[in-house]
Amino acid sequence: MKFEEQEGELIFIFLAISVEKLDRQDKPKPEGMSLVDFVVEETDKNFLIEIKDPCRRKAPESNKRAFLKQLKQKTLINKSLVPKARDSYTYLHLMERDNKPFFFVVVLGLDHLKFDEALLLTFQDRLRERIRKEAAEPWKRKYIKDCIVVTTENWPKYFPEYS
């Protein structure tokens, strides 16, 4: 089926079994849980998709610089992204919707920001490492099969079936 979903300035067209916007403001969610933007269900896997687009056209330069700093530090990964992946998986598990592998996709809106591409690879590696080990020892259950960090510009390269 074809689903058109919007998050901020971004519009996605998904060809999937189902698409759900998990963090809807008009829908009650469990207290204390932080959920991803979308869950996209395909025949053999699920994508947990989180969009971070602080660099919108009209965003002040200070917001852009602050976000770039967050990419280099642990704050965005530890305080936002990993909790969203874990909480979203937990929510879907408790709703008995975890019968397929989960992949965590982070979409960064960096089109109005100058950055080094290598930053994304190290960011993705740090995210993957943190998803697998948040405490003294790694999780026994690998709830996220893998993760990928893309930008709005290279999204079509990694997800050509979704515009």
N, C-alpha and C. Protein backbone atom coordinates (compact mmCIF):
# COMPACT_ATOMS: atom_id res chain seq x y z
N MET A 1 0.83 -1.17 0.00
CA MET A 1 0.00 0.00 0.00
C MET A 1 0.88 1.25 0.00
N LYS A 2 0.32 2.34 -0.42
CA LYS A 2 1.04 3.61 -0.50
C LYS A 2 0.58 4.51 0.65
N PHE A 3 1.57 5.01 1.41
CA PHE A 3 1.29 5.89 2.54
C PHE A 3 2.09 7.18 2.37
N GLU A 4 1.44 8.30 2.54
CA GLU A 4 2.13 9.59 2.51
C GLU A 4 2.09 10.16 3.92
N GLU A 5 3.28 10.42 4.45
CA GLU A 5 3.40 10.92 5.82
C GLU A 5 4.28 12.15 5.84
N GLN A 6 3.97 13.09 6.73
CA GLN A 6 4.75 14.31 6.84
C GLN A 6 5.29 14.45 8.25
N GLU A 7 6.52 14.93 8.32
CA GLU A 7 7.15 15.25 9.59
C GLU A 7 7.88 16.58 9.39
N GLY A 8 7.37 17.64 9.96
CA GLY A 8 7.95 18.96 9.74
C GLY A 8 7.84 19.35 8.28
N GLU A 9 8.96 19.71 7.69
CA GLU A 9 9.00 20.10 6.28
C GLU A 9 9.13 18.90 5.34
N LEU A 10 9.34 17.73 5.90
CA LEU A 10 9.63 16.55 5.09
C LEU A 10 8.37 15.73 4.83
N ILE A 11 8.21 15.29 3.59
CA ILE A 11 7.10 14.43 3.20
C ILE A 11 7.70 13.13 2.68
N PHE A 12 7.23 12.01 3.22
CA PHE A 12 7.70 10.68 2.82
C PHE A 12 6.56 9.93 2.16
N ILE A 13 6.89 9.18 1.13
CA ILE A 13 5.91 8.27 0.52
C ILE A 13 6.46 6.86 0.69
N PHE A 14 5.75 6.07 1.47
CA PHE A 14 6.16 4.71 1.78
C PHE A 14 5.27 3.72 1.02
N LEU A 15 5.89 2.71 0.43
CA LEU A 15 5.16 1.58 -0.16
C LEU A 15 5.42 0.42 0.79
N ALA A 16 4.47 0.13 1.65
CA ALA A 16 4.68 -0.84 2.72
C ALA A 16 3.36 -1.49 3.11
N ILE A 17 3.43 -2.45 3.99
CA ILE A 17 2.22 -3.09 4.52
C ILE A 17 1.45 -2.11 5.38
N SER A 18 2.20 -1.41 6.25
CA SER A 18 1.56 -0.40 7.10
C SER A 18 2.59 0.63 7.53
N VAL A 19 2.09 1.80 7.87
CA VAL A 19 2.92 2.88 8.41
C VAL A 19 2.12 3.51 9.55
N GLU A 20 2.78 3.68 10.68
CA GLU A 20 2.12 4.31 11.82
C GLU A 20 3.00 5.42 12.36
N LYS A 21 2.39 6.55 12.62
CA LYS A 21 3.09 7.65 13.27
C LYS A 21 2.95 7.42 14.77
N LEU A 22 4.04 7.01 15.41
CA LEU A 22 3.97 6.64 16.82
C LEU A 22 3.92 7.83 17.77
N ASP A 23 4.57 8.92 17.43
CA ASP A 23 4.66 10.03 18.38
C ASP A 23 3.61 11.11 18.16
N ARG A 24 2.45 10.71 17.71
CA ARG A 24 1.37 11.67 17.47
C ARG A 24 0.99 12.37 18.76
N GLN A 25 0.84 13.68 18.67
CA GLN A 25 0.49 14.47 19.85
C GLN A 25 -0.97 14.28 20.27
N ASP A 26 -1.82 13.93 19.32
CA ASP A 26 -3.25 13.78 19.61
C ASP A 26 -3.63 12.39 20.10
N LYS A 27 -2.65 11.51 20.26
CA LYS A 27 -2.91 10.13 20.68
C LYS A 27 -2.19 9.87 22.01
N PRO A 28 -2.92 9.42 23.03
CA PRO A 28 -2.26 9.14 24.31
C PRO A 28 -1.19 8.06 24.15
N LYS A 29 -0.09 8.24 24.87
CA LYS A 29 0.96 7.23 24.85
C LYS A 29 1.35 6.92 26.29
N PRO A 30 2.01 5.79 26.49
CA PRO A 30 2.38 5.43 27.86
C PRO A 30 3.25 6.50 28.51
N GLU A 31 2.95 6.78 29.75
CA GLU A 31 3.68 7.80 30.51
C GLU A 31 5.16 7.48 30.56
N GLY A 32 5.98 8.46 30.25
CA GLY A 32 7.42 8.29 30.34
C GLY A 32 8.08 7.68 29.11
N MET A 33 7.29 7.23 28.15
CA MET A 33 7.87 6.64 26.95
C MET A 33 8.11 7.71 25.89
N SER A 34 9.22 7.58 25.23
CA SER A 34 9.58 8.46 24.13
C SER A 34 9.58 7.61 22.86
N LEU A 35 8.73 7.92 21.91
CA LEU A 35 8.53 7.06 20.74
C LEU A 35 9.08 7.70 19.47
N VAL A 36 9.45 6.85 18.51
CA VAL A 36 9.96 7.32 17.22
C VAL A 36 8.84 7.94 16.40
N ASP A 37 9.23 8.60 15.32
CA ASP A 37 8.24 9.24 14.47
C ASP A 37 7.38 8.23 13.72
N PHE A 38 8.01 7.24 13.06
CA PHE A 38 7.24 6.28 12.26
C PHE A 38 7.69 4.85 12.49
N VAL A 39 6.74 3.94 12.36
CA VAL A 39 7.03 2.51 12.26
C VAL A 39 6.53 2.09 10.88
N VAL A 40 7.44 1.59 10.07
CA VAL A 40 7.11 1.14 8.73
C VAL A 40 7.24 -0.37 8.70
N GLU A 41 6.14 -1.05 8.39
CA GLU A 41 6.14 -2.51 8.35
C GLU A 41 6.24 -2.99 6.91
N GLU A 42 7.27 -3.79 6.66
CA GLU A 42 7.43 -4.46 5.37
C GLU A 42 7.17 -5.95 5.59
N THR A 43 7.21 -6.73 4.53
CA THR A 43 6.89 -8.15 4.65
C THR A 43 7.87 -8.89 5.56
N ASP A 44 9.14 -8.51 5.55
CA ASP A 44 10.14 -9.26 6.31
C ASP A 44 10.86 -8.46 7.39
N LYS A 45 10.48 -7.19 7.57
CA LYS A 45 11.15 -6.36 8.58
C LYS A 45 10.31 -5.14 8.92
N ASN A 46 10.71 -4.51 10.03
CA ASN A 46 10.10 -3.25 10.46
C ASN A 46 11.19 -2.19 10.55
N PHE A 47 10.85 -0.97 10.15
CA PHE A 47 11.74 0.17 10.33
C PHE A 47 11.18 1.08 11.40
N LEU A 48 12.02 1.41 12.37
CA LEU A 48 11.71 2.46 13.32
C LEU A 48 12.43 3.69 12.79
N ILE A 49 11.66 4.71 12.41
CA ILE A 49 12.26 5.88 11.75
C ILE A 49 12.09 7.11 12.64
N GLU A 50 13.22 7.74 12.92
CA GLU A 50 13.24 8.96 13.71
C GLU A 50 13.84 10.07 12.86
N ILE A 51 13.13 11.18 12.77
CA ILE A 51 13.57 12.33 11.98
C ILE A 51 14.06 13.42 12.92
N LYS A 52 15.24 13.90 12.66
CA LYS A 52 15.82 15.03 13.39
C LYS A 52 16.15 16.08 12.34
N ASP A 53 15.34 17.14 12.30
CA ASP A 53 15.49 18.18 11.28
C ASP A 53 15.55 19.56 11.92
N PRO A 54 16.60 19.82 12.70
CA PRO A 54 16.70 21.13 13.36
C PRO A 54 17.23 22.22 12.45
N CYS A 55 17.67 21.85 11.27
CA CYS A 55 18.31 22.80 10.37
C CYS A 55 17.37 23.25 9.27
N ARG A 56 16.14 23.46 9.63
CA ARG A 56 15.16 23.93 8.66
C ARG A 56 15.61 25.25 8.06
N ARG A 57 15.04 25.59 6.95
CA ARG A 57 15.44 26.80 6.21
C ARG A 57 15.51 28.04 7.11
N LYS A 58 14.53 28.21 7.98
CA LYS A 58 14.45 29.45 8.77
C LYS A 58 15.08 29.33 10.15
N ALA A 59 15.72 28.21 10.41
CA ALA A 59 16.33 28.01 11.73
C ALA A 59 17.52 28.95 11.91
N PRO A 60 17.67 29.50 13.10
CA PRO A 60 18.82 30.38 13.35
C PRO A 60 20.13 29.60 13.29
N GLU A 61 21.19 30.29 12.94
CA GLU A 61 22.51 29.66 12.85
C GLU A 61 22.91 29.01 14.17
N SER A 62 22.51 29.59 15.28
CA SER A 62 22.88 29.03 16.59
C SER A 62 22.27 27.64 16.77
N ASN A 63 21.05 27.41 16.27
CA ASN A 63 20.44 26.08 16.34
C ASN A 63 21.25 25.08 15.53
N LYS A 64 21.70 25.49 14.37
CA LYS A 64 22.47 24.62 13.49
C LYS A 64 23.79 24.24 14.14
N ARG A 65 24.48 25.23 14.70
CA ARG A 65 25.76 24.96 15.37
C ARG A 65 25.55 24.05 16.59
N ALA A 66 24.49 24.29 17.34
CA ALA A 66 24.21 23.47 18.52
C ALA A 66 23.93 22.03 18.12
N PHE A 67 23.21 21.83 17.02
CA PHE A 67 22.91 20.47 16.58
C PHE A 67 24.17 19.76 16.12
N LEU A 68 25.02 20.45 15.41
CA LEU A 68 26.28 19.86 14.97
C LEU A 68 27.11 19.43 16.18
N LYS A 69 27.08 20.24 17.22
CA LYS A 69 27.79 19.90 18.46
C LYS A 69 27.19 18.63 19.09
N GLN A 70 25.86 18.51 19.07
CA GLN A 70 25.20 17.31 19.60
C GLN A 70 25.59 16.06 18.82
N LEU A 71 25.78 16.19 17.51
CA LEU A 71 26.19 15.05 16.70
C LEU A 71 27.57 14.55 17.11
N LYS A 72 28.42 15.48 17.53
CA LYS A 72 29.78 15.12 17.91
C LYS A 72 29.86 14.56 19.34
N GLN A 73 28.91 14.94 20.18
CA GLN A 73 28.92 14.50 21.57
C GLN A 73 27.97 13.31 21.75
N LYS A 74 27.75 12.89 22.97
CA LYS A 74 26.90 11.73 23.27
C LYS A 74 25.45 12.11 23.55
N THR A 75 25.16 13.38 23.70
CA THR A 75 23.84 13.82 24.15
C THR A 75 22.71 13.31 23.27
N LEU A 76 22.77 13.54 21.99
CA LEU A 76 21.69 13.15 21.08
C LEU A 76 21.47 11.64 21.10
N ILE A 77 22.54 10.88 21.09
CA ILE A 77 22.44 9.42 21.10
C ILE A 77 21.89 8.93 22.43
N ASN A 78 22.50 9.34 23.53
CA ASN A 78 22.16 8.80 24.85
C ASN A 78 20.82 9.31 25.39
N LYS A 79 20.51 10.57 25.16
CA LYS A 79 19.31 11.17 25.77
C LYS A 79 18.08 11.14 24.87
N SER A 80 18.27 10.97 23.56
CA SER A 80 17.12 11.04 22.66
C SER A 80 16.96 9.78 21.80
N LEU A 81 17.96 9.47 20.99
CA LEU A 81 17.79 8.41 19.99
C LEU A 81 17.66 7.01 20.58
N VAL A 82 18.58 6.63 21.44
CA VAL A 82 18.52 5.28 22.02
C VAL A 82 17.27 5.09 22.87
N PRO A 83 16.90 6.04 23.73
CA PRO A 83 15.64 5.87 24.46
C PRO A 83 14.43 5.74 23.53
N LYS A 84 14.40 6.46 22.43
CA LYS A 84 13.28 6.34 21.49
C LYS A 84 13.24 4.96 20.84
N ALA A 85 14.41 4.45 20.45
CA ALA A 85 14.46 3.10 19.86
C ALA A 85 14.01 2.05 20.88
N ARG A 86 14.54 2.14 22.09
CA ARG A 86 14.21 1.16 23.14
C ARG A 86 12.74 1.25 23.54
N ASP A 87 12.25 2.45 23.76
CA ASP A 87 10.85 2.62 24.17
C ASP A 87 9.89 2.20 23.07
N SER A 88 10.22 2.52 21.83
CA SER A 88 9.35 2.14 20.70
C SER A 88 9.30 0.62 20.56
N TYR A 89 10.48 0.00 20.66
CA TYR A 89 10.50 -1.47 20.60
C TYR A 89 9.68 -2.06 21.75
N THR A 90 9.88 -1.56 22.95
CA THR A 90 9.15 -2.06 24.12
C THR A 90 7.64 -1.91 23.91
N TYR A 91 7.22 -0.77 23.44
CA TYR A 91 5.80 -0.53 23.16
C TYR A 91 5.27 -1.55 22.15
N LEU A 92 5.98 -1.72 21.04
CA LEU A 92 5.54 -2.65 20.00
C LEU A 92 5.58 -4.10 20.50
N HIS A 93 6.57 -4.43 21.32
CA HIS A 93 6.66 -5.77 21.92
C HIS A 93 5.45 -6.03 22.80
N LEU A 94 5.10 -5.07 23.64
CA LEU A 94 3.96 -5.24 24.54
C LEU A 94 2.63 -5.29 23.79
N MET A 95 2.60 -4.71 22.59
CA MET A 95 1.41 -4.76 21.75
C MET A 95 1.44 -5.98 20.82
N GLU A 96 2.42 -6.89 21.06
CA GLU A 96 2.60 -8.11 20.26
C GLU A 96 2.78 -7.80 18.77
N ARG A 97 3.62 -6.81 18.51
CA ARG A 97 3.90 -6.41 17.13
C ARG A 97 5.40 -6.50 16.83
N ASP A 98 6.06 -7.46 17.45
CA ASP A 98 7.51 -7.60 17.29
C ASP A 98 7.89 -8.94 16.67
N ASN A 99 7.12 -9.35 15.67
CA ASN A 99 7.35 -10.65 15.05
C ASN A 99 8.32 -10.60 13.86
N LYS A 100 8.90 -9.43 13.58
CA LYS A 100 9.88 -9.25 12.51
C LYS A 100 11.06 -8.46 13.05
N PRO A 101 12.22 -8.61 12.41
CA PRO A 101 13.37 -7.83 12.86
C PRO A 101 13.13 -6.32 12.73
N PHE A 102 13.73 -5.57 13.66
CA PHE A 102 13.62 -4.11 13.66
C PHE A 102 14.94 -3.48 13.22
N PHE A 103 14.83 -2.48 12.38
CA PHE A 103 15.97 -1.67 11.96
C PHE A 103 15.66 -0.24 12.35
N PHE A 104 16.63 0.41 12.96
CA PHE A 104 16.45 1.78 13.41
C PHE A 104 17.07 2.71 12.38
N VAL A 105 16.26 3.63 11.85
CA VAL A 105 16.70 4.57 10.83
C VAL A 105 16.59 5.98 11.39
N VAL A 106 17.69 6.70 11.38
CA VAL A 106 17.70 8.08 11.82
C VAL A 106 17.93 8.95 10.58
N VAL A 107 17.00 9.86 10.36
CA VAL A 107 17.08 10.77 9.22
C VAL A 107 17.44 12.15 9.75
N LEU A 108 18.58 12.65 9.29
CA LEU A 108 19.05 13.95 9.74
C LEU A 108 18.86 14.99 8.65
N GLY A 109 18.18 16.05 8.99
CA GLY A 109 17.99 17.16 8.05
C GLY A 109 19.17 18.11 8.15
N LEU A 110 20.19 17.83 7.38
CA LEU A 110 21.41 18.62 7.44
C LEU A 110 21.67 19.39 6.15
N ASP A 111 20.64 19.53 5.33
CA ASP A 111 20.84 20.14 4.01
C ASP A 111 21.23 21.61 4.07
N HIS A 112 21.03 22.28 5.18
CA HIS A 112 21.41 23.69 5.31
C HIS A 112 22.58 23.84 6.28
N LEU A 113 23.41 22.80 6.35
CA LEU A 113 24.51 22.79 7.31
C LEU A 113 25.73 22.15 6.66
N LYS A 114 26.88 22.75 6.84
CA LYS A 114 28.12 22.19 6.32
C LYS A 114 28.69 21.25 7.38
N PHE A 115 29.02 20.01 6.95
CA PHE A 115 29.57 19.03 7.87
C PHE A 115 30.43 18.04 7.10
N ASP A 116 31.24 17.31 7.81
CA ASP A 116 32.11 16.28 7.22
C ASP A 116 31.33 14.96 7.18
N GLU A 117 31.27 14.32 6.02
CA GLU A 117 30.54 13.04 5.86
C GLU A 117 31.02 11.98 6.85
N ALA A 118 32.30 12.00 7.19
CA ALA A 118 32.84 11.02 8.14
C ALA A 118 32.15 11.12 9.49
N LEU A 119 31.64 12.28 9.82
CA LEU A 119 30.92 12.47 11.08
C LEU A 119 29.72 11.54 11.17
N LEU A 120 29.02 11.34 10.05
CA LEU A 120 27.85 10.47 10.05
C LEU A 120 28.22 9.02 10.31
N LEU A 121 29.34 8.56 9.77
CA LEU A 121 29.76 7.18 9.99
C LEU A 121 30.13 6.93 11.45
N THR A 122 30.87 7.86 12.05
CA THR A 122 31.22 7.68 13.46
C THR A 122 29.98 7.81 14.33
N PHE A 123 29.08 8.71 13.96
CA PHE A 123 27.82 8.87 14.69
C PHE A 123 27.01 7.57 14.63
N GLN A 124 26.92 6.98 13.45
CA GLN A 124 26.19 5.72 13.28
C GLN A 124 26.83 4.60 14.10
N ASP A 125 28.14 4.51 14.10
CA ASP A 125 28.84 3.49 14.89
C ASP A 125 28.58 3.67 16.38
N ARG A 126 28.62 4.92 16.85
CA ARG A 126 28.37 5.18 18.27
C ARG A 126 26.92 4.86 18.64
N LEU A 127 26.00 5.16 17.73
CA LEU A 127 24.59 4.84 17.96
C LEU A 127 24.39 3.34 18.06
N ARG A 128 24.94 2.59 17.12
CA ARG A 128 24.83 1.12 17.12
C ARG A 128 25.39 0.53 18.41
N GLU A 129 26.56 1.02 18.81
CA GLU A 129 27.20 0.53 20.03
C GLU A 129 26.33 0.80 21.26
N ARG A 130 25.75 1.98 21.34
CA ARG A 130 24.93 2.35 22.49
C ARG A 130 23.61 1.57 22.52
N ILE A 131 23.02 1.32 21.36
CA ILE A 131 21.78 0.52 21.30
C ILE A 131 22.02 -0.87 21.87
N ARG A 132 23.20 -1.41 21.62
CA ARG A 132 23.51 -2.78 22.05
C ARG A 132 23.99 -2.86 23.49
N LYS A 133 24.51 -1.75 24.01
CA LYS A 133 25.04 -1.77 25.38
C LYS A 133 24.82 -0.43 26.04
N GLU A 134 23.81 -0.35 26.90
CA GLU A 134 23.52 0.89 27.63
C GLU A 134 24.01 0.84 29.07
N ALA A 135 24.22 -0.35 29.58
CA ALA A 135 24.62 -0.51 30.98
C ALA A 135 26.01 -1.13 31.03
N ALA A 136 26.34 -1.75 32.15
CA ALA A 136 27.67 -2.34 32.32
C ALA A 136 27.93 -3.48 31.35
N GLU A 137 26.88 -4.20 31.01
CA GLU A 137 27.05 -5.30 30.05
C GLU A 137 26.02 -5.16 28.92
N PRO A 138 26.32 -5.76 27.76
CA PRO A 138 25.41 -5.62 26.61
C PRO A 138 24.05 -6.28 26.90
N TRP A 139 23.04 -5.79 26.20
CA TRP A 139 21.72 -6.42 26.28
C TRP A 139 21.84 -7.87 25.82
N LYS A 140 21.17 -8.77 26.48
CA LYS A 140 21.14 -10.18 26.07
C LYS A 140 20.29 -10.35 24.81
N ARG A 141 19.27 -9.55 24.68
CA ARG A 141 18.38 -9.60 23.52
C ARG A 141 18.72 -8.42 22.61
N LYS A 142 19.09 -8.74 21.38
CA LYS A 142 19.37 -7.68 20.40
C LYS A 142 18.05 -7.27 19.76
N TYR A 143 17.45 -6.26 20.34
CA TYR A 143 16.11 -5.85 19.90
C TYR A 143 16.13 -5.07 18.60
N ILE A 144 17.25 -4.47 18.27
CA ILE A 144 17.42 -3.76 17.00
C ILE A 144 18.48 -4.52 16.21
N LYS A 145 18.10 -5.01 15.04
CA LYS A 145 19.04 -5.79 14.22
C LYS A 145 20.20 -4.92 13.75
N ASP A 146 19.91 -3.71 13.31
CA ASP A 146 20.95 -2.78 12.91
C ASP A 146 20.36 -1.38 12.82
N CYS A 147 21.24 -0.40 12.65
CA CYS A 147 20.77 0.97 12.51
C CYS A 147 21.51 1.63 11.35
N ILE A 148 20.89 2.66 10.82
CA ILE A 148 21.48 3.43 9.74
C ILE A 148 21.15 4.89 9.97
N VAL A 149 22.11 5.73 9.70
CA VAL A 149 21.93 7.18 9.81
C VAL A 149 22.06 7.75 8.40
N VAL A 150 21.02 8.43 7.96
CA VAL A 150 21.02 9.03 6.63
C VAL A 150 20.65 10.50 6.75
N THR A 151 20.92 11.22 5.68
CA THR A 151 20.49 12.62 5.61
C THR A 151 19.31 12.70 4.65
N THR A 152 18.65 13.83 4.64
CA THR A 152 17.55 14.00 3.70
C THR A 152 18.07 13.95 2.27
N GLU A 153 19.32 14.32 2.06
CA GLU A 153 19.89 14.30 0.71
C GLU A 153 20.25 12.91 0.23
N ASN A 154 20.79 12.04 1.12
CA ASN A 154 21.17 10.70 0.65
C ASN A 154 20.11 9.63 0.93
N TRP A 155 18.96 10.02 1.48
CA TRP A 155 17.85 9.10 1.71
C TRP A 155 17.54 8.26 0.47
N PRO A 156 17.40 8.86 -0.73
CA PRO A 156 17.06 8.07 -1.93
C PRO A 156 18.10 6.99 -2.27
N LYS A 157 19.34 7.22 -1.91
CA LYS A 157 20.39 6.22 -2.16
C LYS A 157 20.15 4.96 -1.34
N TYR A 158 19.73 5.12 -0.09
CA TYR A 158 19.54 4.00 0.81
C TYR A 158 18.12 3.43 0.77
N PHE A 159 17.16 4.27 0.41
CA PHE A 159 15.76 3.85 0.37
C PHE A 159 15.13 4.29 -0.95
N PRO A 160 15.58 3.73 -2.07
CA PRO A 160 15.06 4.15 -3.38
C PRO A 160 13.56 3.85 -3.57
N GLU A 161 13.06 2.88 -2.82
CA GLU A 161 11.63 2.53 -2.95
C GLU A 161 10.72 3.51 -2.22
N TYR A 162 11.32 4.36 -1.39
CA TYR A 162 10.54 5.36 -0.64
C TYR A 162 10.99 6.75 -1.07
N SER A 163 10.07 7.55 -1.55
CA SER A 163 10.47 8.92 -1.94
C SER A 163 10.20 9.89 -0.80
